[in-house]
Amino acid sequence: MNYVQDVLRQEKKNGQRVCGDVFLMERSREYTLAVLCDGIGSGIYANIAATTCASRLLQLAMGNMSTQAAALLTAESMHRARKEAFPFAAFTLAKIFSDGHYTIHTYESPVPLVVADGMGFLPAMTKLRAGKEWVEETAGILYPGDGLMLFTDGVSQAGMGRGYPMGVGEKRISDVLNYLLDHDKNEEEICDGVMELVFEKCGGVWEDDTTLAFLKNREGKRLVIMTGPPSNPSMDREYVLSGMEKDGWKVVCGSSTADIVSRVVGQVVEKKDRKGVYGSIPEYRIQGLDVVSEGALVLNRVCNILEDSLQEVEEPNVVEKISLLMQQADRVDFLVGGAYNDAHGTLDFKEMGVMPRNMIVRILAKKLKAMGKIVEITNY
């Protein structure tokens, strides 16, 4: 499984309260979409124009429309801004499939840089007519370790009027990128290095809204969570084997679920020594699984700390272990059994604020997606 990691650097124009550039991403198991829009002018009006354009592009590209058709339709609509008060935004739209194939479409924007085999270069672009406007297109394949660098004209036009008639340009940005790659800089350091160049060429101020996004294609990390018995016992074997056959870390949340897993895989459930800590939750052991514990109660507690920093925890408890795995994973697959649990409707659970399994899984999925994870929920 490939995963597209993003590193974003963004600065608003000096004197403005908001940035007129907008960067949005949407991930699924089939592809990753990234769109960078630059609204005309600066400030709130530019931000509104960019947000509108970015949202529309994502909506079109996630539907039944190809990214080419989405880009052409959006660019064609921008022609109105040439003659009337219509929100205008330049854009770059990139789609990277799970196998590494990608397409890029740009409209009135700098040409993105491609990083392949440790070298950055400007790809050849083909012009496509969009009514009275033009869209540029390119395509290729990213192998693990390769990437794309998208940026607005706040980067490429840095230094305009300060010794660079048209700004430093994409070629100079490419040279800086390769210099940093040659010195084994990572994505964070590369983005910082390019932004430092822009700031220097602008005389120590941000003369324009400036956005830089580095998209790196790499091997993804998967976490599989099985929680709750299936609604029909006849599905037990399919449920367990589906989870066990997936690559990645494997977690079981629920004592009844653990019994089903142990029966199907032919392994004994062993109970680990419970730490003498108030509120500690039982943890079990099944060979071939990374963490085994209780169900809804654990998932509720995971939800409470999921966004906290846990890297410094020396001896994590079971809730912290699962939270850490979720933070480290790029994709989380929930296999959710639909059998009704009487305990979820008791006053004890309600008094503690423990949400039922299906509800807490949806809330966790929403949080994980906001953290940039790919999330799949399969109900049994």
Protein backbone atom coordinates (compact mmCIF):
# COMPACT_ATOMS: atom_id res chain seq x y z
CA MET A 1 0.00 0.00 0.00
CA ASN A 2 1.31 3.42 -0.98
CA TYR A 3 0.57 6.56 1.01
CA VAL A 4 1.03 10.19 -0.02
CA GLN A 5 2.58 12.16 2.81
CA ASP A 6 2.22 15.94 2.65
CA VAL A 7 4.37 18.70 4.09
CA LEU A 8 2.84 22.18 3.88
CA ARG A 9 4.40 25.60 4.33
CA GLN A 10 2.24 28.69 4.03
CA GLU A 11 2.66 32.41 4.73
CA LYS A 12 0.14 35.20 4.22
CA LYS A 13 1.05 38.45 2.51
CA ASN A 14 2.54 41.03 4.84
CA GLY A 15 -0.22 43.12 6.42
CA GLN A 16 -3.05 40.67 5.69
CA ARG A 17 -5.07 38.76 8.30
CA VAL A 18 -5.68 35.65 6.19
CA CYS A 19 -3.88 33.88 3.34
CA GLY A 20 -5.34 34.05 -0.16
CA ASP A 21 -3.97 30.57 -0.97
CA VAL A 22 -5.86 27.40 -0.04
CA PHE A 23 -4.51 23.83 -0.03
CA LEU A 24 -6.88 20.85 0.33
CA MET A 25 -6.32 17.09 0.22
CA GLU A 26 -8.62 14.10 0.05
CA ARG A 27 -7.39 10.53 0.49
CA SER A 28 -9.00 7.19 -0.32
CA ARG A 29 -7.66 3.69 -0.82
CA GLU A 30 -7.74 4.22 -4.61
CA TYR A 31 -6.15 7.66 -4.90
CA THR A 32 -5.08 10.90 -3.26
CA LEU A 33 -6.27 14.27 -4.53
CA ALA A 34 -4.42 17.51 -3.79
CA VAL A 35 -5.53 20.95 -4.91
CA LEU A 36 -3.72 24.25 -4.43
CA CYS A 37 -5.65 27.42 -5.29
CA ASP A 38 -4.44 31.02 -5.39
CA GLY A 39 -7.26 33.56 -5.14
CA ILE A 40 -6.92 36.84 -7.01
CA GLY A 41 -5.52 39.64 -4.90
CA SER A 42 -4.97 39.00 -1.21
CA GLY A 43 -6.79 38.86 2.11
CA ILE A 44 -10.33 37.68 2.77
CA TYR A 45 -11.64 38.12 -0.79
CA ALA A 46 -8.78 36.08 -2.20
CA ASN A 47 -9.27 33.40 0.47
CA ILE A 48 -12.97 33.10 -0.38
CA ALA A 49 -12.20 32.78 -4.09
CA ALA A 50 -9.52 30.14 -3.45
CA THR A 51 -11.68 28.17 -1.01
CA THR A 52 -14.60 28.14 -3.45
CA CYS A 53 -12.39 26.98 -6.31
CA ALA A 54 -10.61 24.30 -4.26
CA SER A 55 -13.85 22.88 -2.86
CA ARG A 56 -15.41 22.76 -6.31
CA LEU A 57 -12.42 21.02 -7.86
CA LEU A 58 -12.36 18.37 -5.13
CA GLN A 59 -16.09 17.78 -5.42
CA LEU A 60 -15.91 17.37 -9.19
CA ALA A 61 -12.78 15.18 -9.15
CA MET A 62 -14.19 12.92 -6.42
CA GLY A 63 -17.36 12.35 -8.42
CA ASN A 64 -17.72 10.64 -11.78
CA MET A 65 -15.69 13.31 -13.57
CA SER A 66 -12.04 12.87 -14.55
CA THR A 67 -9.51 15.33 -13.18
CA GLN A 68 -8.97 16.61 -16.72
CA ALA A 69 -12.67 17.34 -17.17
CA ALA A 70 -12.85 18.91 -13.70
CA ALA A 71 -9.88 21.17 -14.46
CA LEU A 72 -11.22 22.21 -17.88
CA LEU A 73 -14.69 22.97 -16.55
CA THR A 74 -13.34 25.01 -13.64
CA ALA A 75 -10.87 26.93 -15.82
CA GLU A 76 -13.55 27.72 -18.39
CA SER A 77 -15.76 29.19 -15.66
CA MET A 78 -12.93 31.53 -14.62
CA HIS A 79 -13.20 33.41 -17.91
CA ARG A 80 -16.09 35.39 -16.45
CA ALA A 81 -13.60 37.12 -14.15
CA ARG A 82 -11.97 38.71 -17.21
CA LYS A 83 -15.08 40.84 -17.78
CA GLU A 84 -17.06 40.97 -14.54
CA ALA A 85 -16.76 40.78 -10.76
CA PHE A 86 -16.41 37.01 -10.42
CA PRO A 87 -14.21 35.19 -7.85
CA PHE A 88 -11.04 34.18 -9.70
CA ALA A 89 -8.46 31.63 -8.62
CA ALA A 90 -5.49 30.01 -10.29
CA PHE A 91 -5.07 26.34 -9.40
CA THR A 92 -3.01 23.18 -9.48
CA LEU A 93 -4.84 19.84 -9.26
CA ALA A 94 -2.87 16.63 -8.68
CA LYS A 95 -4.24 13.09 -8.51
CA ILE A 96 -1.96 10.28 -7.36
CA PHE A 97 -3.29 6.74 -7.66
CA SER A 98 -2.42 3.99 -5.19
CA ASP A 99 -0.09 2.40 -7.77
CA GLY A 100 1.88 5.67 -8.13
CA HIS A 101 0.46 6.91 -11.44
CA TYR A 102 -0.36 10.60 -11.31
CA THR A 103 -1.89 13.40 -13.34
CA ILE A 104 -1.37 17.14 -12.82
CA HIS A 105 -3.46 19.98 -14.22
CA THR A 106 -2.57 23.63 -13.78
CA TYR A 107 -4.38 26.83 -14.63
CA GLU A 108 -2.54 30.16 -14.44
CA SER A 109 -0.17 28.55 -11.92
CA PRO A 110 3.52 27.67 -11.75
CA VAL A 111 4.53 24.29 -13.13
CA PRO A 112 4.98 21.83 -10.21
CA LEU A 113 8.26 20.01 -9.75
CA VAL A 114 8.58 16.24 -9.91
CA VAL A 115 11.07 14.43 -7.67
CA ALA A 116 12.18 11.04 -9.01
CA ASP A 117 15.30 9.00 -8.25
CA GLY A 118 16.51 11.72 -5.92
CA MET A 119 16.33 14.46 -8.57
CA GLY A 120 13.87 17.29 -9.10
CA PHE A 121 12.81 18.47 -12.56
CA LEU A 122 10.18 20.47 -14.42
CA PRO A 123 7.91 18.09 -16.34
CA ALA A 124 6.85 18.71 -19.93
CA MET A 125 3.33 20.15 -19.99
CA THR A 126 0.69 19.82 -22.70
CA LYS A 127 -1.77 22.67 -23.31
CA LEU A 128 -5.49 21.93 -23.40
CA ARG A 129 -8.15 24.41 -24.47
CA ALA A 130 -10.88 25.19 -21.92
CA GLY A 131 -13.22 27.45 -23.83
CA LYS A 132 -11.30 30.73 -24.04
CA GLU A 133 -8.84 29.63 -21.34
CA TRP A 134 -5.95 27.17 -21.28
CA VAL A 135 -5.09 24.33 -18.89
CA GLU A 136 -1.71 22.58 -18.79
CA GLU A 137 -1.48 18.85 -18.19
CA THR A 138 1.19 16.25 -17.45
CA ALA A 139 1.25 12.66 -16.19
CA GLY A 140 3.73 10.09 -14.95
CA ILE A 141 4.42 7.60 -12.19
CA LEU A 142 5.84 8.05 -8.71
CA TYR A 143 7.72 5.16 -7.16
CA PRO A 144 8.18 4.92 -3.38
CA GLY A 145 10.41 7.81 -2.36
CA ASP A 146 9.38 10.01 -5.31
CA GLY A 147 7.21 13.09 -4.94
CA LEU A 148 5.69 16.30 -6.25
CA MET A 149 6.26 19.89 -5.17
CA LEU A 150 3.33 22.24 -5.73
CA PHE A 151 3.59 25.99 -5.14
CA THR A 152 1.84 29.27 -5.84
CA ASP A 153 3.34 32.23 -7.67
CA GLY A 154 4.32 33.69 -4.32
CA VAL A 155 7.22 31.22 -4.58
CA SER A 156 8.09 31.46 -8.29
CA GLN A 157 7.70 35.25 -8.45
CA ALA A 158 9.78 35.97 -5.36
CA GLY A 159 12.33 38.70 -6.04
CA MET A 160 10.25 40.42 -8.73
CA GLY A 161 11.50 44.00 -8.91
CA ARG A 162 14.49 43.10 -6.76
CA GLY A 163 16.88 41.96 -9.48
CA TYR A 164 14.54 39.37 -11.00
CA PRO A 165 12.25 40.93 -13.65
CA MET A 166 9.80 37.99 -13.53
CA GLY A 167 10.80 36.55 -10.17
CA VAL A 168 13.20 33.71 -9.46
CA GLY A 169 11.09 31.35 -11.60
CA GLU A 170 10.44 27.62 -11.53
CA LYS A 171 13.93 26.80 -12.85
CA ARG A 172 15.64 28.51 -9.91
CA ILE A 173 13.31 26.72 -7.47
CA SER A 174 14.25 23.46 -9.20
CA ASP A 175 17.95 24.24 -8.73
CA VAL A 176 17.43 24.91 -5.02
CA LEU A 177 15.42 21.72 -4.67
CA ASN A 178 18.21 19.67 -6.24
CA TYR A 179 20.83 21.36 -4.06
CA LEU A 180 18.86 20.36 -0.97
CA LEU A 181 18.29 16.83 -2.30
CA ASP A 182 22.02 16.47 -2.98
CA HIS A 183 22.63 17.37 0.68
CA ASP A 184 20.25 14.63 1.87
CA LYS A 185 17.64 17.01 3.21
CA ASN A 186 14.25 15.55 4.08
CA GLU A 187 10.87 16.95 3.00
CA GLU A 188 10.54 19.24 6.01
CA GLU A 189 14.03 20.66 5.49
CA ILE A 190 13.47 21.06 1.75
CA CYS A 191 10.30 23.07 2.28
CA ASP A 192 12.00 25.21 4.91
CA GLY A 193 14.95 25.80 2.60
CA VAL A 194 12.78 26.95 -0.31
CA MET A 195 10.73 29.23 1.94
CA GLU A 196 13.93 30.78 3.31
CA LEU A 197 15.00 31.56 -0.27
CA VAL A 198 11.64 33.19 -1.01
CA PHE A 199 11.79 35.30 2.16
CA GLU A 200 15.32 36.42 1.35
CA LYS A 201 14.50 37.35 -2.26
CA CYS A 202 11.46 39.32 -1.06
CA GLY A 203 13.67 41.50 1.11
CA GLY A 204 12.74 39.94 4.43
CA VAL A 205 8.96 40.33 4.06
CA TRP A 206 6.23 38.20 2.53
CA GLU A 207 5.35 40.26 -0.54
CA ASP A 208 2.64 37.85 -1.62
CA ASP A 209 0.64 34.93 -0.27
CA THR A 210 3.11 32.06 -0.42
CA THR A 211 2.30 28.36 -0.29
CA LEU A 212 4.48 25.31 -0.86
CA ALA A 213 3.33 21.67 -0.61
CA PHE A 214 5.60 18.64 -0.90
CA LEU A 215 3.77 15.38 -1.66
CA LYS A 216 5.87 12.26 -1.09
CA ASN A 217 4.80 8.80 -2.23
CA ARG A 218 5.94 6.15 0.23
CA GLU A 219 5.08 2.75 1.64
CA GLY A 220 2.08 3.12 3.93
CA LYS A 221 1.53 1.70 7.40
CA ARG A 222 -1.77 -0.07 8.03
CA LEU A 223 -3.65 -0.77 11.26
CA VAL A 224 -6.48 -3.31 11.35
CA ILE A 225 -8.97 -3.13 14.24
CA MET A 226 -11.52 -5.91 14.80
CA THR A 227 -14.21 -4.94 17.29
CA GLY A 228 -17.48 -6.61 18.15
CA PRO A 229 -18.91 -10.02 17.17
CA PRO A 230 -20.61 -10.20 13.75
CA SER A 231 -24.39 -9.85 13.67
CA ASN A 232 -24.63 -13.49 12.55
CA PRO A 233 -22.30 -16.18 13.97
CA SER A 234 -22.10 -17.72 10.50
CA MET A 235 -19.90 -14.75 9.52
CA ASP A 236 -17.35 -15.32 12.33
CA ARG A 237 -14.81 -17.13 10.17
CA GLU A 238 -15.05 -14.68 7.26
CA TYR A 239 -14.79 -11.76 9.70
CA VAL A 240 -11.64 -13.03 11.41
CA LEU A 241 -9.86 -14.26 8.29
CA SER A 242 -10.56 -10.95 6.54
CA GLY A 243 -8.79 -9.12 9.35
CA MET A 244 -5.92 -11.57 9.72
CA GLU A 245 -5.17 -11.65 5.98
CA LYS A 246 -4.60 -7.90 5.82
CA ASP A 247 -1.05 -6.65 6.25
CA GLY A 248 -0.10 -4.31 9.10
CA TRP A 249 -0.65 -4.08 12.84
CA LYS A 250 -3.65 -5.97 14.20
CA VAL A 251 -5.76 -5.01 17.20
CA VAL A 252 -8.80 -6.67 18.76
CA CYS A 253 -11.13 -4.58 20.92
CA GLY A 254 -13.66 -6.67 22.83
CA SER A 255 -13.43 -9.76 25.00
CA SER A 256 -16.15 -11.56 23.00
CA THR A 257 -14.35 -10.58 19.79
CA ALA A 258 -11.12 -11.99 21.23
CA ASP A 259 -12.86 -15.32 21.94
CA ILE A 260 -14.07 -15.49 18.33
CA VAL A 261 -10.63 -14.65 16.95
CA SER A 262 -8.91 -17.21 19.17
CA ARG A 263 -11.36 -19.92 18.11
CA VAL A 264 -10.94 -19.23 14.38
CA VAL A 265 -7.13 -18.94 14.42
CA GLY A 266 -6.70 -21.77 16.92
CA GLN A 267 -4.78 -19.74 19.50
CA VAL A 268 -5.37 -19.44 23.23
CA VAL A 269 -6.36 -16.13 24.80
CA GLU A 270 -3.92 -15.33 27.60
CA LYS A 271 -4.52 -12.62 30.15
CA LYS A 272 -1.61 -10.27 30.79
CA ASP A 273 -0.72 -9.10 34.29
CA ARG A 274 -2.80 -6.06 35.09
CA LYS A 275 -0.92 -3.05 36.37
CA GLY A 276 -2.01 -1.81 39.76
CA VAL A 277 -3.15 1.54 38.37
CA TYR A 278 -6.54 3.07 39.03
CA GLY A 279 -8.79 2.71 36.01
CA SER A 280 -6.51 0.22 34.24
CA ILE A 281 -8.15 -2.00 31.63
CA PRO A 282 -7.46 -5.72 31.14
CA GLU A 283 -5.10 -6.63 28.32
CA TYR A 284 -4.93 -10.04 26.68
CA ARG A 285 -2.53 -11.85 24.39
CA ILE A 286 -3.24 -13.82 21.22
CA GLN A 287 -0.33 -14.97 19.07
CA GLY A 288 -0.18 -13.00 15.81
CA LEU A 289 -1.96 -9.92 17.19
CA ASP A 290 -0.37 -6.74 18.47
CA VAL A 291 -2.94 -5.61 21.05
CA VAL A 292 -6.00 -7.35 22.50
CA SER A 293 -8.27 -5.72 25.05
CA GLU A 294 -11.82 -4.63 25.86
CA GLY A 295 -14.17 -3.05 23.32
CA ALA A 296 -16.30 0.08 23.50
CA LEU A 297 -14.78 1.31 26.75
CA VAL A 298 -11.25 1.15 25.29
CA LEU A 299 -12.28 2.84 22.02
CA ASN A 300 -13.97 5.65 23.97
CA ARG A 301 -10.82 6.24 25.99
CA VAL A 302 -8.69 6.10 22.84
CA CYS A 303 -10.91 8.79 21.34
CA ASN A 304 -10.23 11.02 24.36
CA ILE A 305 -6.44 11.01 23.91
CA LEU A 306 -6.01 10.31 20.18
CA GLU A 307 -4.86 13.84 19.36
CA ASP A 308 -2.50 14.13 22.34
CA SER A 309 1.27 13.71 22.13
CA LEU A 310 2.15 10.23 23.42
CA GLN A 311 5.69 9.81 22.14
CA GLU A 312 7.24 10.38 25.57
CA VAL A 313 5.12 7.73 27.33
CA GLU A 314 7.63 5.16 28.61
CA GLU A 315 5.30 2.29 29.53
CA PRO A 316 2.04 2.82 27.63
CA ASN A 317 -1.11 1.13 28.86
CA VAL A 318 -3.43 -0.62 26.46
CA VAL A 319 -5.35 2.57 25.58
CA GLU A 320 -2.11 4.44 24.90
CA LYS A 321 -0.77 1.53 22.82
CA ILE A 322 -3.78 1.60 20.51
CA SER A 323 -3.68 5.40 20.32
CA LEU A 324 0.00 5.30 19.35
CA LEU A 325 -0.69 2.73 16.63
CA MET A 326 -3.47 4.94 15.24
CA GLN A 327 -1.15 7.95 15.23
CA GLN A 328 1.60 6.01 13.45
CA ALA A 329 -0.68 4.34 10.90
CA ASP A 330 -1.43 5.85 7.50
CA ARG A 331 -4.49 3.67 6.96
CA VAL A 332 -6.89 2.32 9.58
CA ASP A 333 -9.30 -0.49 8.70
CA PHE A 334 -12.18 -1.03 11.15
CA LEU A 335 -13.95 -4.40 10.99
CA VAL A 336 -17.08 -3.81 13.07
CA GLY A 337 -19.37 -6.58 14.24
CA GLY A 338 -23.05 -5.75 14.40
CA ALA A 339 -24.13 -8.02 17.27
CA TYR A 340 -26.04 -6.08 19.94
CA ASN A 341 -24.29 -5.70 23.29
CA ASP A 342 -26.72 -5.34 26.20
CA ALA A 343 -24.06 -3.61 28.29
CA HIS A 344 -24.05 -0.60 25.95
CA GLY A 345 -27.58 0.29 27.03
CA THR A 346 -27.03 0.06 30.79
CA LEU A 347 -27.11 3.06 33.11
CA ASP A 348 -23.47 2.41 34.11
CA PHE A 349 -22.27 2.96 30.55
CA LYS A 350 -24.50 6.00 30.09
CA GLU A 351 -23.33 7.56 33.38
CA MET A 352 -19.71 7.17 32.31
CA GLY A 353 -20.45 8.71 28.91
CA VAL A 354 -19.37 5.55 27.06
CA MET A 355 -20.74 5.63 23.52
CA PRO A 356 -21.79 2.39 21.77
CA ARG A 357 -19.27 0.72 19.48
CA ASN A 358 -20.75 1.77 16.14
CA MET A 359 -21.01 5.39 17.28
CA ILE A 360 -17.49 5.68 18.69
CA VAL A 361 -16.02 4.05 15.56
CA ARG A 362 -17.63 6.75 13.40
CA ILE A 363 -16.26 9.48 15.65
CA LEU A 364 -12.78 7.92 15.58
CA ALA A 365 -12.96 7.65 11.79
CA LYS A 366 -13.78 11.35 11.52
CA LYS A 367 -10.84 12.28 13.76
CA LEU A 368 -8.46 9.98 11.90
CA LYS A 369 -9.45 11.43 8.51
CA ALA A 370 -8.84 14.92 9.88
CA MET A 371 -5.34 13.70 10.81
CA GLY A 372 -4.73 12.70 7.17
CA LYS A 373 -5.39 8.96 7.56
CA ILE A 374 -7.16 6.72 5.08
CA VAL A 375 -10.06 5.07 6.94
CA GLU A 376 -12.19 2.11 5.86
CA ILE A 377 -15.12 0.74 7.88
CA THR A 378 -16.49 -2.72 7.05
CA ASN A 379 -19.59 -3.90 8.91
CA TYR A 380 -20.37 -7.53 9.65
